[in-house]
N, C-alpha and C. Protein backbone atom coordinates (compact mmCIF):
# COMPACT_ATOMS: atom_id res chain seq x y z
N UNK A 1 -4.68 -14.46 3.92
CA UNK A 1 -4.21 -13.78 2.75
C UNK A 1 -3.36 -12.59 3.19
N UNK A 2 -2.21 -12.43 2.54
CA UNK A 2 -1.29 -11.34 2.87
C UNK A 2 -1.13 -10.44 1.64
N UNK A 3 -1.36 -9.14 1.84
CA UNK A 3 -1.32 -8.16 0.76
C UNK A 3 -0.23 -7.14 1.05
N UNK A 4 0.62 -6.90 0.03
CA UNK A 4 1.70 -5.93 0.17
C UNK A 4 1.45 -4.74 -0.75
N UNK A 5 1.44 -3.55 -0.17
CA UNK A 5 1.33 -2.31 -0.91
C UNK A 5 2.75 -1.84 -1.22
N UNK A 6 3.00 -1.51 -2.49
CA UNK A 6 4.36 -1.21 -2.93
C UNK A 6 4.42 0.15 -3.63
N UNK A 7 5.40 0.95 -3.21
CA UNK A 7 5.71 2.21 -3.91
C UNK A 7 7.23 2.33 -3.97
N UNK A 8 7.72 3.53 -4.08
CA UNK A 8 9.16 3.72 -4.25
C UNK A 8 9.90 3.77 -2.92
N UNK A 9 9.55 4.74 -2.06
CA UNK A 9 10.30 4.95 -0.83
C UNK A 9 9.67 4.44 0.44
N UNK A 10 8.41 4.00 0.38
CA UNK A 10 7.69 3.48 1.53
C UNK A 10 7.57 4.50 2.66
N UNK A 11 7.41 5.78 2.27
CA UNK A 11 7.20 6.84 3.27
C UNK A 11 5.92 7.64 3.00
N UNK A 12 5.29 7.43 1.84
CA UNK A 12 4.08 8.20 1.50
C UNK A 12 2.92 7.28 1.11
N UNK A 13 2.87 6.91 -0.17
CA UNK A 13 1.71 6.19 -0.69
C UNK A 13 1.49 4.83 -0.06
N UNK A 14 2.51 3.98 -0.05
CA UNK A 14 2.26 2.62 0.44
C UNK A 14 1.97 2.56 1.95
N UNK A 15 2.62 3.35 2.81
CA UNK A 15 2.20 3.29 4.21
C UNK A 15 0.81 3.88 4.43
N UNK A 16 0.45 4.90 3.62
CA UNK A 16 -0.91 5.42 3.70
C UNK A 16 -1.90 4.34 3.29
N UNK A 17 -1.61 3.65 2.19
CA UNK A 17 -2.48 2.58 1.72
C UNK A 17 -2.60 1.48 2.76
N UNK A 18 -1.48 1.09 3.35
CA UNK A 18 -1.49 0.04 4.37
C UNK A 18 -2.38 0.43 5.54
N UNK A 19 -2.19 1.63 6.07
CA UNK A 19 -2.97 2.08 7.23
C UNK A 19 -4.45 2.22 6.90
N UNK A 20 -4.75 2.83 5.76
CA UNK A 20 -6.15 3.01 5.37
C UNK A 20 -6.82 1.66 5.13
N UNK A 21 -6.10 0.73 4.49
CA UNK A 21 -6.67 -0.58 4.20
C UNK A 21 -6.90 -1.38 5.48
N UNK A 22 -5.99 -1.28 6.41
CA UNK A 22 -6.19 -1.98 7.69
C UNK A 22 -7.45 -1.48 8.38
N UNK A 23 -7.68 -0.17 8.31
CA UNK A 23 -8.91 0.38 8.91
C UNK A 23 -10.14 -0.15 8.19
N UNK A 24 -10.08 -0.24 6.86
CA UNK A 24 -11.20 -0.78 6.09
C UNK A 24 -11.43 -2.25 6.43
N UNK A 25 -10.35 -3.01 6.55
CA UNK A 25 -10.46 -4.43 6.90
C UNK A 25 -11.12 -4.60 8.27
N UNK A 26 -10.73 -3.77 9.21
CA UNK A 26 -11.29 -3.84 10.56
C UNK A 26 -12.79 -3.56 10.53
N UNK A 27 -13.19 -2.52 9.79
CA UNK A 27 -14.61 -2.19 9.70
C UNK A 27 -15.40 -3.30 9.00
N UNK A 28 -14.74 -4.00 8.06
CA UNK A 28 -15.41 -5.06 7.30
C UNK A 28 -15.33 -6.42 8.00
N UNK A 29 -14.64 -6.48 9.14
CA UNK A 29 -14.51 -7.75 9.86
C UNK A 29 -13.66 -8.77 9.12
N UNK A 30 -12.66 -8.29 8.40
CA UNK A 30 -11.82 -9.19 7.60
C UNK A 30 -10.49 -9.44 8.32
N UNK A 31 -10.53 -10.08 9.46
CA UNK A 31 -9.34 -10.36 10.25
C UNK A 31 -8.42 -11.37 9.58
N UNK A 32 -8.92 -12.07 8.56
CA UNK A 32 -8.12 -13.08 7.87
C UNK A 32 -7.14 -12.47 6.86
N UNK A 33 -7.20 -11.15 6.67
CA UNK A 33 -6.34 -10.47 5.70
C UNK A 33 -5.27 -9.68 6.45
N UNK A 34 -4.03 -9.83 6.01
CA UNK A 34 -2.90 -9.10 6.60
C UNK A 34 -2.40 -8.11 5.56
N UNK A 35 -2.19 -6.86 5.96
CA UNK A 35 -1.69 -5.83 5.06
C UNK A 35 -0.32 -5.35 5.52
N UNK A 36 0.55 -5.11 4.56
CA UNK A 36 1.88 -4.57 4.83
C UNK A 36 2.27 -3.64 3.70
N UNK A 37 3.43 -3.02 3.82
CA UNK A 37 3.90 -2.15 2.76
C UNK A 37 5.42 -2.16 2.71
N UNK A 38 5.94 -1.81 1.53
CA UNK A 38 7.39 -1.74 1.34
C UNK A 38 7.66 -0.88 0.11
N UNK A 39 8.91 -0.48 -0.04
CA UNK A 39 9.31 0.35 -1.17
C UNK A 39 10.43 -0.29 -1.96
N UNK A 40 10.39 -0.08 -3.26
CA UNK A 40 11.42 -0.64 -4.13
C UNK A 40 12.78 0.00 -3.90
N UNK A 41 12.79 1.26 -3.48
CA UNK A 41 14.05 1.97 -3.20
C UNK A 41 14.05 2.56 -1.80
N UNK A 42 13.36 1.92 -0.89
CA UNK A 42 13.22 2.45 0.46
C UNK A 42 14.54 2.44 1.22
N UNK A 43 14.69 3.44 2.07
CA UNK A 43 15.79 3.48 3.04
C UNK A 43 15.21 2.89 4.32
N UNK A 44 15.70 1.72 4.69
CA UNK A 44 15.18 0.99 5.85
C UNK A 44 15.09 1.90 7.08
N UNK A 45 13.93 1.83 7.75
CA UNK A 45 13.77 2.53 9.02
C UNK A 45 13.29 3.96 8.93
N UNK A 46 13.15 4.52 7.74
CA UNK A 46 12.69 5.91 7.62
C UNK A 46 11.24 6.02 8.09
N UNK A 47 10.91 7.09 8.81
CA UNK A 47 9.52 7.28 9.23
C UNK A 47 8.67 7.75 8.05
N UNK A 48 7.36 7.68 8.18
CA UNK A 48 6.50 8.19 7.11
C UNK A 48 6.60 9.71 7.03
N UNK A 49 6.28 10.23 5.87
CA UNK A 49 6.24 11.67 5.67
C UNK A 49 5.27 12.30 6.67
N UNK A 50 5.63 13.47 7.17
CA UNK A 50 4.77 14.16 8.14
C UNK A 50 3.39 14.41 7.55
N UNK A 51 3.34 14.81 6.28
CA UNK A 51 2.04 15.07 5.67
C UNK A 51 1.24 13.79 5.44
N UNK A 52 1.91 12.67 5.23
CA UNK A 52 1.20 11.39 5.11
C UNK A 52 0.54 11.06 6.45
N UNK A 53 1.27 11.27 7.52
CA UNK A 53 0.73 11.02 8.87
C UNK A 53 -0.46 11.93 9.12
N UNK A 54 -0.32 13.22 8.80
CA UNK A 54 -1.41 14.17 9.04
C UNK A 54 -2.65 13.85 8.21
N UNK A 55 -2.46 13.52 6.94
CA UNK A 55 -3.59 13.21 6.06
C UNK A 55 -4.36 11.99 6.56
N UNK A 56 -3.64 10.99 7.04
CA UNK A 56 -4.31 9.80 7.56
C UNK A 56 -4.97 10.08 8.91
N UNK A 57 -4.32 10.88 9.75
CA UNK A 57 -4.90 11.21 11.06
C UNK A 57 -6.25 11.89 10.90
N UNK A 58 -6.41 12.66 9.83
CA UNK A 58 -7.69 13.33 9.59
C UNK A 58 -8.84 12.33 9.44
N UNK A 59 -8.53 11.10 9.08
CA UNK A 59 -9.54 10.04 8.95
C UNK A 59 -9.49 9.06 10.11
N UNK A 60 -8.73 9.41 11.15
CA UNK A 60 -8.64 8.56 12.34
C UNK A 60 -7.71 7.38 12.19
N UNK A 61 -6.79 7.44 11.22
CA UNK A 61 -5.84 6.36 10.98
C UNK A 61 -4.45 6.84 11.37
N UNK A 62 -3.80 6.12 12.28
CA UNK A 62 -2.48 6.50 12.77
C UNK A 62 -1.39 5.64 12.12
N UNK A 63 -0.57 6.26 11.27
CA UNK A 63 0.55 5.55 10.63
C UNK A 63 1.90 6.04 11.16
N UNK A 64 1.89 6.77 12.25
CA UNK A 64 3.12 7.40 12.76
C UNK A 64 4.18 6.39 13.18
N UNK A 65 3.80 5.20 13.57
CA UNK A 65 4.79 4.20 14.01
C UNK A 65 5.41 3.44 12.84
N UNK A 66 4.92 3.66 11.63
CA UNK A 66 5.45 2.95 10.46
C UNK A 66 6.94 3.27 10.27
N UNK A 67 7.69 2.29 9.81
CA UNK A 67 9.08 2.47 9.41
C UNK A 67 9.27 1.78 8.07
N UNK A 68 9.98 2.46 7.18
CA UNK A 68 10.14 1.99 5.81
C UNK A 68 10.87 0.65 5.75
N UNK A 69 10.42 -0.17 4.79
CA UNK A 69 11.06 -1.46 4.50
C UNK A 69 11.33 -1.50 3.00
N UNK A 70 12.42 -2.15 2.66
CA UNK A 70 12.80 -2.30 1.25
C UNK A 70 12.33 -3.66 0.74
N UNK A 71 11.82 -3.66 -0.47
CA UNK A 71 11.43 -4.90 -1.13
C UNK A 71 12.70 -5.68 -1.48
N UNK A 72 12.67 -6.98 -1.18
CA UNK A 72 13.77 -7.86 -1.59
C UNK A 72 13.16 -9.17 -2.08
N UNK A 73 13.93 -9.95 -2.79
CA UNK A 73 13.44 -11.20 -3.35
C UNK A 73 12.88 -12.13 -2.30
N UNK A 74 13.61 -12.37 -1.23
CA UNK A 74 13.15 -13.27 -0.18
C UNK A 74 11.91 -12.72 0.51
N UNK A 75 11.86 -11.44 0.67
CA UNK A 75 10.72 -10.77 1.31
C UNK A 75 9.45 -10.96 0.49
N UNK A 76 9.55 -10.93 -0.84
CA UNK A 76 8.39 -11.04 -1.71
C UNK A 76 7.66 -12.36 -1.55
N UNK A 77 8.39 -13.43 -1.28
CA UNK A 77 7.80 -14.76 -1.19
C UNK A 77 6.78 -14.88 -0.05
N UNK A 78 6.82 -13.98 0.90
CA UNK A 78 5.92 -14.05 2.04
C UNK A 78 4.53 -13.48 1.75
N UNK A 79 4.33 -12.88 0.58
CA UNK A 79 3.08 -12.17 0.28
C UNK A 79 2.30 -12.88 -0.82
N UNK A 80 0.97 -12.81 -0.71
CA UNK A 80 0.09 -13.46 -1.68
C UNK A 80 -0.31 -12.52 -2.82
N UNK A 81 -0.65 -11.29 -2.48
CA UNK A 81 -1.10 -10.31 -3.46
C UNK A 81 -0.30 -9.02 -3.30
N UNK A 82 -0.15 -8.32 -4.43
CA UNK A 82 0.64 -7.08 -4.45
C UNK A 82 -0.22 -5.98 -5.05
N UNK A 83 -0.16 -4.81 -4.43
CA UNK A 83 -0.92 -3.64 -4.86
C UNK A 83 0.10 -2.53 -5.10
N UNK A 84 0.67 -2.46 -6.31
CA UNK A 84 1.66 -1.42 -6.61
C UNK A 84 0.98 -0.09 -6.91
N UNK A 85 1.70 1.00 -6.72
CA UNK A 85 1.13 2.32 -6.92
C UNK A 85 1.22 2.79 -8.37
N UNK A 86 1.96 2.05 -9.21
CA UNK A 86 2.07 2.43 -10.63
C UNK A 86 2.39 1.20 -11.47
N UNK A 87 2.23 1.37 -12.78
CA UNK A 87 2.59 0.31 -13.70
C UNK A 87 4.07 -0.01 -13.65
N UNK A 88 4.90 1.00 -13.40
CA UNK A 88 6.33 0.78 -13.28
C UNK A 88 6.65 -0.12 -12.09
N UNK A 89 5.99 0.14 -10.97
CA UNK A 89 6.18 -0.70 -9.79
C UNK A 89 5.75 -2.14 -10.10
N UNK A 90 4.63 -2.29 -10.80
CA UNK A 90 4.15 -3.63 -11.16
C UNK A 90 5.16 -4.34 -12.06
N UNK A 91 5.72 -3.61 -13.01
CA UNK A 91 6.71 -4.19 -13.93
C UNK A 91 7.93 -4.69 -13.15
N UNK A 92 8.41 -3.87 -12.23
CA UNK A 92 9.59 -4.25 -11.44
C UNK A 92 9.27 -5.47 -10.58
N UNK A 93 8.08 -5.53 -10.01
CA UNK A 93 7.69 -6.71 -9.23
C UNK A 93 7.70 -7.96 -10.10
N UNK A 94 7.18 -7.84 -11.33
CA UNK A 94 7.19 -8.98 -12.24
C UNK A 94 8.61 -9.40 -12.58
N UNK A 95 9.49 -8.44 -12.79
CA UNK A 95 10.88 -8.75 -13.09
C UNK A 95 11.56 -9.45 -11.92
N UNK A 96 11.05 -9.20 -10.72
CA UNK A 96 11.59 -9.84 -9.52
C UNK A 96 10.96 -11.21 -9.27
N UNK A 97 10.04 -11.62 -10.15
CA UNK A 97 9.48 -12.96 -10.05
C UNK A 97 8.04 -13.05 -9.58
N UNK A 98 7.40 -11.92 -9.32
CA UNK A 98 5.99 -11.96 -8.92
C UNK A 98 5.14 -12.24 -10.15
N UNK A 99 4.26 -13.20 -10.02
CA UNK A 99 3.39 -13.57 -11.15
C UNK A 99 2.35 -12.48 -11.39
N UNK A 100 2.09 -12.14 -12.65
CA UNK A 100 1.13 -11.07 -12.96
C UNK A 100 -0.24 -11.27 -12.31
N UNK A 101 -0.70 -12.53 -12.20
CA UNK A 101 -2.01 -12.77 -11.59
C UNK A 101 -2.03 -12.49 -10.09
N UNK A 102 -0.87 -12.25 -9.50
CA UNK A 102 -0.79 -11.90 -8.08
C UNK A 102 -0.63 -10.40 -7.86
N UNK A 103 -0.76 -9.64 -8.94
CA UNK A 103 -0.63 -8.18 -8.87
C UNK A 103 -1.97 -7.55 -9.21
N UNK A 104 -2.46 -6.72 -8.31
CA UNK A 104 -3.67 -5.93 -8.55
C UNK A 104 -3.19 -4.53 -8.89
N UNK A 105 -3.41 -4.10 -10.11
CA UNK A 105 -2.92 -2.79 -10.53
C UNK A 105 -4.07 -1.79 -10.56
N UNK A 106 -4.06 -0.86 -9.61
CA UNK A 106 -5.08 0.20 -9.61
C UNK A 106 -4.69 1.25 -10.65
N UNK A 107 -5.50 2.27 -10.76
CA UNK A 107 -5.05 3.42 -11.55
C UNK A 107 -3.80 3.94 -10.88
N UNK A 108 -2.89 4.52 -11.66
CA UNK A 108 -1.65 5.05 -11.08
C UNK A 108 -1.98 6.07 -9.99
N UNK A 109 -1.34 5.91 -8.85
CA UNK A 109 -1.52 6.81 -7.72
C UNK A 109 -0.36 7.80 -7.73
N UNK A 110 -0.65 9.05 -7.94
CA UNK A 110 0.39 10.07 -8.04
C UNK A 110 1.15 10.20 -6.72
N UNK A 111 2.47 10.30 -6.82
CA UNK A 111 3.33 10.41 -5.64
C UNK A 111 3.28 11.83 -5.09
N UNK A 112 2.84 12.00 -3.83
CA UNK A 112 2.78 13.34 -3.25
C UNK A 112 4.10 13.78 -2.61
N UNK A 113 5.14 12.96 -2.69
CA UNK A 113 6.40 13.23 -1.98
C UNK A 113 6.85 14.67 -2.21
N UNK A 114 7.11 15.36 -1.11
CA UNK A 114 7.58 16.74 -1.16
C UNK A 114 6.48 17.76 -1.39
N UNK A 115 5.24 17.29 -1.49
CA UNK A 115 4.12 18.19 -1.76
C UNK A 115 3.51 18.76 -0.49
N UNK A 116 2.45 19.50 -0.71
CA UNK A 116 1.73 20.14 0.39
C UNK A 116 0.80 19.13 1.06
N UNK A 117 0.25 19.53 2.18
CA UNK A 117 -0.73 18.69 2.85
C UNK A 117 -1.92 18.43 1.92
N UNK A 118 -2.29 19.40 1.13
CA UNK A 118 -3.40 19.22 0.18
C UNK A 118 -3.05 18.15 -0.85
N UNK A 119 -1.81 18.09 -1.30
CA UNK A 119 -1.38 17.03 -2.23
C UNK A 119 -1.55 15.66 -1.57
N UNK A 120 -1.20 15.56 -0.31
CA UNK A 120 -1.32 14.30 0.42
C UNK A 120 -2.79 13.94 0.65
N UNK A 121 -3.63 14.93 0.87
CA UNK A 121 -5.07 14.66 1.01
C UNK A 121 -5.64 14.11 -0.30
N UNK A 122 -5.23 14.70 -1.42
CA UNK A 122 -5.70 14.20 -2.72
C UNK A 122 -5.25 12.75 -2.92
N UNK A 123 -4.00 12.47 -2.58
CA UNK A 123 -3.47 11.11 -2.69
C UNK A 123 -4.25 10.17 -1.78
N UNK A 124 -4.48 10.58 -0.55
CA UNK A 124 -5.24 9.77 0.41
C UNK A 124 -6.63 9.46 -0.12
N UNK A 125 -7.30 10.47 -0.65
CA UNK A 125 -8.65 10.27 -1.15
C UNK A 125 -8.67 9.35 -2.36
N UNK A 126 -7.68 9.48 -3.23
CA UNK A 126 -7.57 8.58 -4.38
C UNK A 126 -7.29 7.15 -3.91
N UNK A 127 -6.41 7.02 -2.93
CA UNK A 127 -6.14 5.69 -2.36
C UNK A 127 -7.41 5.09 -1.78
N UNK A 128 -8.19 5.89 -1.06
CA UNK A 128 -9.43 5.37 -0.46
C UNK A 128 -10.36 4.83 -1.53
N UNK A 129 -10.52 5.55 -2.63
CA UNK A 129 -11.38 5.08 -3.72
C UNK A 129 -10.86 3.76 -4.29
N UNK A 130 -9.57 3.70 -4.56
CA UNK A 130 -8.98 2.49 -5.14
C UNK A 130 -9.03 1.32 -4.16
N UNK A 131 -8.79 1.59 -2.89
CA UNK A 131 -8.81 0.53 -1.87
C UNK A 131 -10.22 -0.01 -1.65
N UNK A 132 -11.22 0.85 -1.72
CA UNK A 132 -12.60 0.39 -1.59
C UNK A 132 -12.95 -0.57 -2.73
N UNK A 133 -12.54 -0.23 -3.95
CA UNK A 133 -12.78 -1.10 -5.09
C UNK A 133 -12.04 -2.43 -4.92
N UNK A 134 -10.80 -2.34 -4.47
CA UNK A 134 -9.99 -3.54 -4.25
C UNK A 134 -10.63 -4.44 -3.20
N UNK A 135 -11.04 -3.86 -2.08
CA UNK A 135 -11.65 -4.64 -1.01
C UNK A 135 -12.94 -5.30 -1.49
N UNK A 136 -13.72 -4.60 -2.31
CA UNK A 136 -14.97 -5.17 -2.82
C UNK A 136 -14.71 -6.38 -3.71
N UNK A 137 -13.56 -6.41 -4.38
CA UNK A 137 -13.22 -7.52 -5.26
C UNK A 137 -12.47 -8.64 -4.54
N UNK A 138 -12.02 -8.36 -3.34
CA UNK A 138 -11.23 -9.33 -2.59
C UNK A 138 -12.11 -10.49 -2.15
N UNK A 139 -11.73 -11.70 -2.55
CA UNK A 139 -12.55 -12.85 -2.16
C UNK A 139 -12.34 -13.22 -0.70
N UNK A 140 -13.12 -14.19 -0.26
CA UNK A 140 -12.91 -14.75 1.08
C UNK A 140 -11.63 -15.52 1.10
N UNK A 141 -11.49 -16.44 1.99
CA UNK A 141 -10.27 -17.23 2.16
C UNK A 141 -9.76 -17.83 0.85
N UNK A 142 -8.48 -17.62 0.55
CA UNK A 142 -7.79 -18.37 -0.46
C UNK A 142 -7.91 -17.97 -1.91
N UNK A 143 -8.71 -16.97 -2.27
CA UNK A 143 -8.87 -16.63 -3.68
C UNK A 143 -8.01 -15.47 -4.11
N UNK A 144 -8.19 -15.07 -5.34
CA UNK A 144 -7.48 -13.92 -5.91
C UNK A 144 -8.52 -12.96 -6.45
N UNK A 145 -8.23 -11.63 -6.41
CA UNK A 145 -9.20 -10.69 -6.97
C UNK A 145 -9.23 -10.77 -8.48
């Protein structure tokens, strides 16, 4: 199963979600799940926000090697499930052809872009809560949450 975390620029929320979720998958022994991230308006190759890196490092998760990727139609076909950071992101994914049943919509995750380290910590902690719920609902091989 391949899960794509989607936000706007792929430098804050979605790379944080990807890194945090990979750590959760590792602790849960879920090697059958692949996590990635991309942004609807990402500038290809941009590094993650410094505060996103710092907030994740505080939990032992290193996202410093991440580089932004842009969502494209052909790219979407490679993923099974989508975890957008807002209803707007989910809507855009649907307009691009993603079926609603393949989208897991958490509560809207506020964008910390340009904020303080404390803003990024709040975002990280909110992501952790939402990701834990998502992981608990994630079935074994081949299902949908």
